[in-house]
Amino acid sequence: MRIYGNRLLKSPPGTATRPTPARVREALFNIWQGSIAGCRWLDLCAGSGQMGAEALCRGAKSAIAIEQWGRACAIARENWQQVAKPEQTFQVLRGDVGKLLPSLAGQRFDRIYFDPPYASDLYQPVLRAIVAYQLLAEAGELAVESDPKQWQALQIPGLIICRQKVYGNTALTFYCRGESLETIEFQ
């Protein structure tokens, strides 16, 4: 697969991961253009790390990925090493996204990309954890990838739906911080 700057990235063989379609990736970065350079990027259920690699290519200051599958983590790390500049920092964490999010408490991310397996039950608990651990920066945005036929955007206290876009079989729901962020408790 190729990303910004015509860079070729590796991807795991088989169907264990589902790369974000190029059309959706391009649309996301067009929507977020002007806000990637210098941002702190969080890539949840990162797969091969293509979205984070694209963010690094476009000037993100730092990037963190969480991915459960070991082979995908190794490929994401390779991809990010290939594109990162010396002044950029990155980290690829292997493990369950729900169990690793608490370790990020206290960090704020300007852009968060969350692309779980579409049929998973990760959507609500991860979105609630993002709010509970205050991971989204004050002016930050969170994009959630889903199958538009299987998933309805969730109303999560502490988050506001900013916009929704559908690109064929892929939907993106964008969230911003809501008014009640400080009063949310994680359960």
C-alpha atoms as a PDB file:
ATOM      1  CA  MET A   1       0.000   0.000   0.000  1.00  0.00           C
ATOM      2  CA  ARG A   2       1.165   3.542  -0.708  1.00  0.00           C
ATOM      3  CA  ILE A   3       0.700   6.640   1.412  1.00  0.00           C
ATOM      4  CA  TYR A   4       1.486  10.366   1.229  1.00  0.00           C
ATOM      5  CA  GLY A   5       4.650  11.092  -0.702  1.00  0.00           C
ATOM      6  CA  ASN A   6       4.254   7.849  -2.685  1.00  0.00           C
ATOM      7  CA  ARG A   7       5.823   5.844   0.145  1.00  0.00           C
ATOM      8  CA  LEU A   8       5.322   2.099   0.015  1.00  0.00           C
ATOM      9  CA  LEU A   9       4.333   0.433   3.305  1.00  0.00           C
ATOM     10  CA  LYS A  10       4.255  -3.186   4.349  1.00  0.00           C
ATOM     11  CA  SER A  11       1.027  -4.885   5.392  1.00  0.00           C
ATOM     12  CA  PRO A  12       0.424  -8.252   7.046  1.00  0.00           C
ATOM     13  CA  PRO A  13      -0.510 -11.114   4.723  1.00  0.00           C
ATOM     14  CA  GLY A  14      -4.009 -12.564   4.770  1.00  0.00           C
ATOM     15  CA  THR A  15      -7.196 -11.082   6.140  1.00  0.00           C
ATOM     16  CA  ALA A  16      -6.303 -10.720   9.827  1.00  0.00           C
ATOM     17  CA  THR A  17      -6.272  -6.938   9.413  1.00  0.00           C
ATOM     18  CA  ARG A  18      -8.501  -4.707   7.303  1.00  0.00           C
ATOM     19  CA  PRO A  19      -6.562  -1.720   5.974  1.00  0.00           C
ATOM     20  CA  THR A  20      -8.492   1.528   5.729  1.00  0.00           C
ATOM     21  CA  PRO A  21      -9.332   2.053   2.044  1.00  0.00           C
ATOM     22  CA  ALA A  22      -7.137   4.630   0.278  1.00  0.00           C
ATOM     23  CA  ARG A  23     -10.209   6.740  -0.550  1.00  0.00           C
ATOM     24  CA  VAL A  24     -11.199   6.929   3.141  1.00  0.00           C
ATOM     25  CA  ARG A  25      -7.625   7.638   4.267  1.00  0.00           C
ATOM     26  CA  GLU A  26      -7.358  10.470   1.732  1.00  0.00           C
ATOM     27  CA  ALA A  27     -10.730  11.898   2.787  1.00  0.00           C
ATOM     28  CA  LEU A  28      -9.773  11.831   6.470  1.00  0.00           C
ATOM     29  CA  PHE A  29      -6.503  13.644   5.867  1.00  0.00           C
ATOM     30  CA  ASN A  30      -8.278  16.184   3.650  1.00  0.00           C
ATOM     31  CA  ILE A  31     -10.733  16.870   6.480  1.00  0.00           C
ATOM     32  CA  TRP A  32      -7.883  17.167   8.987  1.00  0.00           C
ATOM     33  CA  GLN A  33      -5.511  19.036   6.671  1.00  0.00           C
ATOM     34  CA  GLY A  34      -3.775  21.869   8.414  1.00  0.00           C
ATOM     35  CA  SER A  35      -4.082  20.193  11.811  1.00  0.00           C
ATOM     36  CA  ILE A  36      -1.736  17.213  11.411  1.00  0.00           C
ATOM     37  CA  ALA A  37       1.610  19.024  11.406  1.00  0.00           C
ATOM     38  CA  GLY A  38       2.814  19.201  15.008  1.00  0.00           C
ATOM     39  CA  CYS A  39      -0.079  17.127  16.384  1.00  0.00           C
ATOM     40  CA  ARG A  40       0.028  14.278  18.889  1.00  0.00           C
ATOM     41  CA  TRP A  41      -1.509  11.229  17.146  1.00  0.00           C
ATOM     42  CA  LEU A  42      -3.086   8.150  18.759  1.00  0.00           C
ATOM     43  CA  ASP A  43      -3.872   5.145  16.537  1.00  0.00           C
ATOM     44  CA  LEU A  44      -6.159   2.578  18.199  1.00  0.00           C
ATOM     45  CA  CYS A  45      -6.469  -0.919  16.685  1.00  0.00           C
ATOM     46  CA  ALA A  46      -3.676   0.245  14.393  1.00  0.00           C
ATOM     47  CA  GLY A  47      -3.153  -2.835  12.245  1.00  0.00           C
ATOM     48  CA  SER A  48      -0.141  -2.178   9.993  1.00  0.00           C
ATOM     49  CA  GLY A  49       0.016   1.418  11.233  1.00  0.00           C
ATOM     50  CA  GLN A  50      -0.840   2.980   7.882  1.00  0.00           C
ATOM     51  CA  MET A  51      -2.883   5.819   9.394  1.00  0.00           C
ATOM     52  CA  GLY A  52      -0.152   6.731  11.878  1.00  0.00           C
ATOM     53  CA  ALA A  53       2.486   6.466   9.146  1.00  0.00           C
ATOM     54  CA  GLU A  54       0.460   8.891   7.052  1.00  0.00           C
ATOM     55  CA  ALA A  55       0.216  11.259  10.040  1.00  0.00           C
ATOM     56  CA  LEU A  56       3.988  11.067  10.577  1.00  0.00           C
ATOM     57  CA  CYS A  57       4.596  11.747   6.865  1.00  0.00           C
ATOM     58  CA  ARG A  58       2.373  14.812   7.157  1.00  0.00           C
ATOM     59  CA  GLY A  59       4.347  16.152  10.122  1.00  0.00           C
ATOM     60  CA  ALA A  60       2.752  14.783  13.300  1.00  0.00           C
ATOM     61  CA  LYS A  61       5.012  15.547  16.253  1.00  0.00           C
ATOM     62  CA  SER A  62       4.431  12.161  17.868  1.00  0.00           C
ATOM     63  CA  ALA A  63       2.417   8.996  17.338  1.00  0.00           C
ATOM     64  CA  ILE A  64       1.373   6.109  19.531  1.00  0.00           C
ATOM     65  CA  ALA A  65      -0.249   2.943  18.207  1.00  0.00           C
ATOM     66  CA  ILE A  66      -2.071   0.196  20.072  1.00  0.00           C
ATOM     67  CA  GLU A  67      -2.531  -3.128  18.294  1.00  0.00           C
ATOM     68  CA  GLN A  68      -3.247  -6.582  19.687  1.00  0.00           C
ATOM     69  CA  TRP A  69      -1.743  -8.793  16.975  1.00  0.00           C
ATOM     70  CA  GLY A  70       2.028  -9.176  17.350  1.00  0.00           C
ATOM     71  CA  ARG A  71       2.793  -9.515  13.624  1.00  0.00           C
ATOM     72  CA  ALA A  72       0.866  -6.336  12.837  1.00  0.00           C
ATOM     73  CA  CYS A  73       2.732  -4.501  15.639  1.00  0.00           C
ATOM     74  CA  ALA A  74       6.078  -5.491  14.137  1.00  0.00           C
ATOM     75  CA  ILE A  75       4.983  -4.271  10.705  1.00  0.00           C
ATOM     76  CA  ALA A  76       3.600  -1.012  12.139  1.00  0.00           C
ATOM     77  CA  ARG A  77       6.908  -0.415  13.921  1.00  0.00           C
ATOM     78  CA  GLU A  78       8.832  -1.053  10.667  1.00  0.00           C
ATOM     79  CA  ASN A  79       6.518   1.231   8.712  1.00  0.00           C
ATOM     80  CA  TRP A  80       6.844   4.029  11.248  1.00  0.00           C
ATOM     81  CA  GLN A  81      10.647   3.692  11.415  1.00  0.00           C
ATOM     82  CA  GLN A  82      10.715   4.029   7.644  1.00  0.00           C
ATOM     83  CA  VAL A  83       8.767   7.308   7.560  1.00  0.00           C
ATOM     84  CA  ALA A  84       9.570   9.054  10.867  1.00  0.00           C
ATOM     85  CA  LYS A  85      12.000  11.948  10.908  1.00  0.00           C
ATOM     86  CA  PRO A  86      14.570  12.197  13.727  1.00  0.00           C
ATOM     87  CA  GLU A  87      12.569  14.898  15.532  1.00  0.00           C
ATOM     88  CA  GLN A  88       9.389  12.777  15.591  1.00  0.00           C
ATOM     89  CA  THR A  89       8.690  10.278  18.340  1.00  0.00           C
ATOM     90  CA  PHE A  90       6.611   7.155  18.077  1.00  0.00           C
ATOM     91  CA  GLN A  91       5.697   4.094  20.075  1.00  0.00           C
ATOM     92  CA  VAL A  92       3.868   0.899  19.102  1.00  0.00           C
ATOM     93  CA  LEU A  93       2.202  -0.877  22.026  1.00  0.00           C
ATOM     94  CA  ARG A  94       1.097  -4.484  21.775  1.00  0.00           C
ATOM     95  CA  GLY A  95      -1.970  -5.549  23.716  1.00  0.00           C
ATOM     96  CA  ASP A  96      -5.660  -5.165  24.329  1.00  0.00           C
ATOM     97  CA  VAL A  97      -6.720  -1.571  23.639  1.00  0.00           C
ATOM     98  CA  GLY A  98      -9.066  -1.514  26.651  1.00  0.00           C
ATOM     99  CA  LYS A  99      -6.303  -2.644  29.011  1.00  0.00           C
ATOM    100  CA  LEU A 100      -3.630  -0.320  27.589  1.00  0.00           C
ATOM    101  CA  LEU A 101      -5.618   2.934  27.504  1.00  0.00           C
ATOM    102  CA  PRO A 102      -5.241   3.538  31.278  1.00  0.00           C
ATOM    103  CA  SER A 103      -1.450   3.591  30.802  1.00  0.00           C
ATOM    104  CA  LEU A 104      -1.900   6.679  28.591  1.00  0.00           C
ATOM    105  CA  ALA A 105      -3.821   8.649  31.247  1.00  0.00           C
ATOM    106  CA  GLY A 106      -2.383  12.126  31.571  1.00  0.00           C
ATOM    107  CA  GLN A 107      -1.412  12.339  27.904  1.00  0.00           C
ATOM    108  CA  ARG A 108      -3.476  14.426  25.498  1.00  0.00           C
ATOM    109  CA  PHE A 109      -3.817  13.664  21.799  1.00  0.00           C
ATOM    110  CA  ASP A 110      -4.840  16.168  19.154  1.00  0.00           C
ATOM    111  CA  ARG A 111      -5.993  13.478  16.723  1.00  0.00           C
ATOM    112  CA  ILE A 112      -7.189   9.968  17.607  1.00  0.00           C
ATOM    113  CA  TYR A 113      -8.024   7.360  14.988  1.00  0.00           C
ATOM    114  CA  PHE A 114     -10.001   4.319  16.183  1.00  0.00           C
ATOM    115  CA  ASP A 115     -10.527   1.449  13.725  1.00  0.00           C
ATOM    116  CA  PRO A 116     -11.603  -1.704  15.577  1.00  0.00           C
ATOM    117  CA  PRO A 117     -12.851  -4.887  13.926  1.00  0.00           C
ATOM    118  CA  TYR A 118     -16.283  -3.791  12.723  1.00  0.00           C
ATOM    119  CA  ALA A 119     -18.221  -6.554  14.488  1.00  0.00           C
ATOM    120  CA  SER A 120     -16.381  -6.100  17.792  1.00  0.00           C
ATOM    121  CA  ASP A 121     -17.845  -4.860  21.041  1.00  0.00           C
ATOM    122  CA  LEU A 122     -14.986  -2.363  21.500  1.00  0.00           C
ATOM    123  CA  TYR A 123     -16.725   0.820  20.378  1.00  0.00           C
ATOM    124  CA  GLN A 124     -18.527   1.915  23.540  1.00  0.00           C
ATOM    125  CA  PRO A 125     -15.930   0.864  26.144  1.00  0.00           C
ATOM    126  CA  VAL A 126     -13.047   2.443  24.228  1.00  0.00           C
ATOM    127  CA  LEU A 127     -14.906   5.712  23.603  1.00  0.00           C
ATOM    128  CA  ARG A 128     -15.866   5.861  27.272  1.00  0.00           C
ATOM    129  CA  ALA A 129     -12.246   5.185  28.264  1.00  0.00           C
ATOM    130  CA  ILE A 130     -11.007   8.000  26.005  1.00  0.00           C
ATOM    131  CA  VAL A 131     -13.306  10.344  27.910  1.00  0.00           C
ATOM    132  CA  ALA A 132     -12.552   8.896  31.348  1.00  0.00           C
ATOM    133  CA  TYR A 133      -8.772   9.130  30.909  1.00  0.00           C
ATOM    134  CA  GLN A 134      -9.120  12.532  29.190  1.00  0.00           C
ATOM    135  CA  LEU A 135      -7.016  11.441  26.226  1.00  0.00           C
ATOM    136  CA  LEU A 136      -8.547  13.852  23.715  1.00  0.00           C
ATOM    137  CA  ALA A 137      -6.980  17.315  23.789  1.00  0.00           C
ATOM    138  CA  GLU A 138      -9.280  20.285  24.311  1.00  0.00           C
ATOM    139  CA  ALA A 139      -9.380  21.190  20.606  1.00  0.00           C
ATOM    140  CA  GLY A 140      -8.765  17.605  19.493  1.00  0.00           C
ATOM    141  CA  GLU A 141     -10.834  15.335  17.295  1.00  0.00           C
ATOM    142  CA  LEU A 142     -11.462  11.616  17.323  1.00  0.00           C
ATOM    143  CA  ALA A 143     -12.387   9.688  14.156  1.00  0.00           C
ATOM    144  CA  VAL A 144     -14.108   6.321  14.491  1.00  0.00           C
ATOM    145  CA  GLU A 145     -14.171   3.967  11.512  1.00  0.00           C
ATOM    146  CA  SER A 146     -17.108   1.574  11.185  1.00  0.00           C
ATOM    147  CA  ASP A 147     -19.368  -0.305   8.805  1.00  0.00           C
ATOM    148  CA  PRO A 148     -22.316   2.026   8.174  1.00  0.00           C
ATOM    149  CA  LYS A 149     -24.678  -0.973   7.935  1.00  0.00           C
ATOM    150  CA  GLN A 150     -23.667  -2.440  11.310  1.00  0.00           C
ATOM    151  CA  TRP A 151     -23.027   0.518  13.576  1.00  0.00           C
ATOM    152  CA  GLN A 152     -24.919   3.572  14.710  1.00  0.00           C
ATOM    153  CA  ALA A 153     -22.913   6.489  16.104  1.00  0.00           C
ATOM    154  CA  LEU A 154     -22.881   6.315  19.878  1.00  0.00           C
ATOM    155  CA  GLN A 155     -23.882   9.141  22.155  1.00  0.00           C
ATOM    156  CA  ILE A 156     -21.100   9.207  24.746  1.00  0.00           C
ATOM    157  CA  PRO A 157     -21.192  11.670  27.645  1.00  0.00           C
ATOM    158  CA  GLY A 158     -18.204  13.961  27.273  1.00  0.00           C
ATOM    159  CA  LEU A 159     -18.086  13.664  23.474  1.00  0.00           C
ATOM    160  CA  ILE A 160     -20.025  15.485  20.771  1.00  0.00           C
ATOM    161  CA  ILE A 161     -20.491  14.166  17.251  1.00  0.00           C
ATOM    162  CA  CYS A 162     -18.920  16.823  14.996  1.00  0.00           C
ATOM    163  CA  ARG A 163     -19.645  15.199  11.630  1.00  0.00           C
ATOM    164  CA  GLN A 164     -20.311  11.872   9.950  1.00  0.00           C
ATOM    165  CA  LYS A 165     -19.189  10.750   6.504  1.00  0.00           C
ATOM    166  CA  VAL A 166     -19.876   7.568   4.549  1.00  0.00           C
ATOM    167  CA  TYR A 167     -17.544   6.298   1.836  1.00  0.00           C
ATOM    168  CA  GLY A 168     -19.091   3.162   0.351  1.00  0.00           C
ATOM    169  CA  ASN A 169     -18.732   0.392   2.957  1.00  0.00           C
ATOM    170  CA  THR A 170     -16.829   2.599   5.408  1.00  0.00           C
ATOM    171  CA  ALA A 171     -18.192   5.265   7.730  1.00  0.00           C
ATOM    172  CA  LEU A 172     -16.258   7.839   9.725  1.00  0.00           C
ATOM    173  CA  THR A 173     -17.805   9.452  12.773  1.00  0.00           C
ATOM    174  CA  PHE A 174     -15.917  12.438  14.169  1.00  0.00           C
ATOM    175  CA  TYR A 175     -16.150  13.362  17.842  1.00  0.00           C
ATOM    176  CA  CYS A 176     -14.996  16.480  19.715  1.00  0.00           C
ATOM    177  CA  ARG A 177     -14.867  17.021  23.449  1.00  0.00           C
ATOM    178  CA  GLY A 178     -18.165  17.842  25.087  1.00  0.00           C
ATOM    179  CA  GLU A 179     -19.073  20.120  27.959  1.00  0.00           C
ATOM    180  CA  SER A 180     -19.303  17.476  30.659  1.00  0.00           C
ATOM    181  CA  LEU A 181     -15.823  15.949  30.269  1.00  0.00           C
ATOM    182  CA  GLU A 182     -14.759  16.577  33.857  1.00  0.00           C
ATOM    183  CA  THR A 183     -17.813  14.824  35.323  1.00  0.00           C
ATOM    184  CA  ILE A 184     -17.460  11.511  33.445  1.00  0.00           C
ATOM    185  CA  GLU A 185     -16.512   8.430  35.411  1.00  0.00           C
ATOM    186  CA  PHE A 186     -15.253   5.298  33.739  1.00  0.00           C
ATOM    187  CA  GLN A 187     -17.108   2.075  34.608  1.00  0.00           C
END
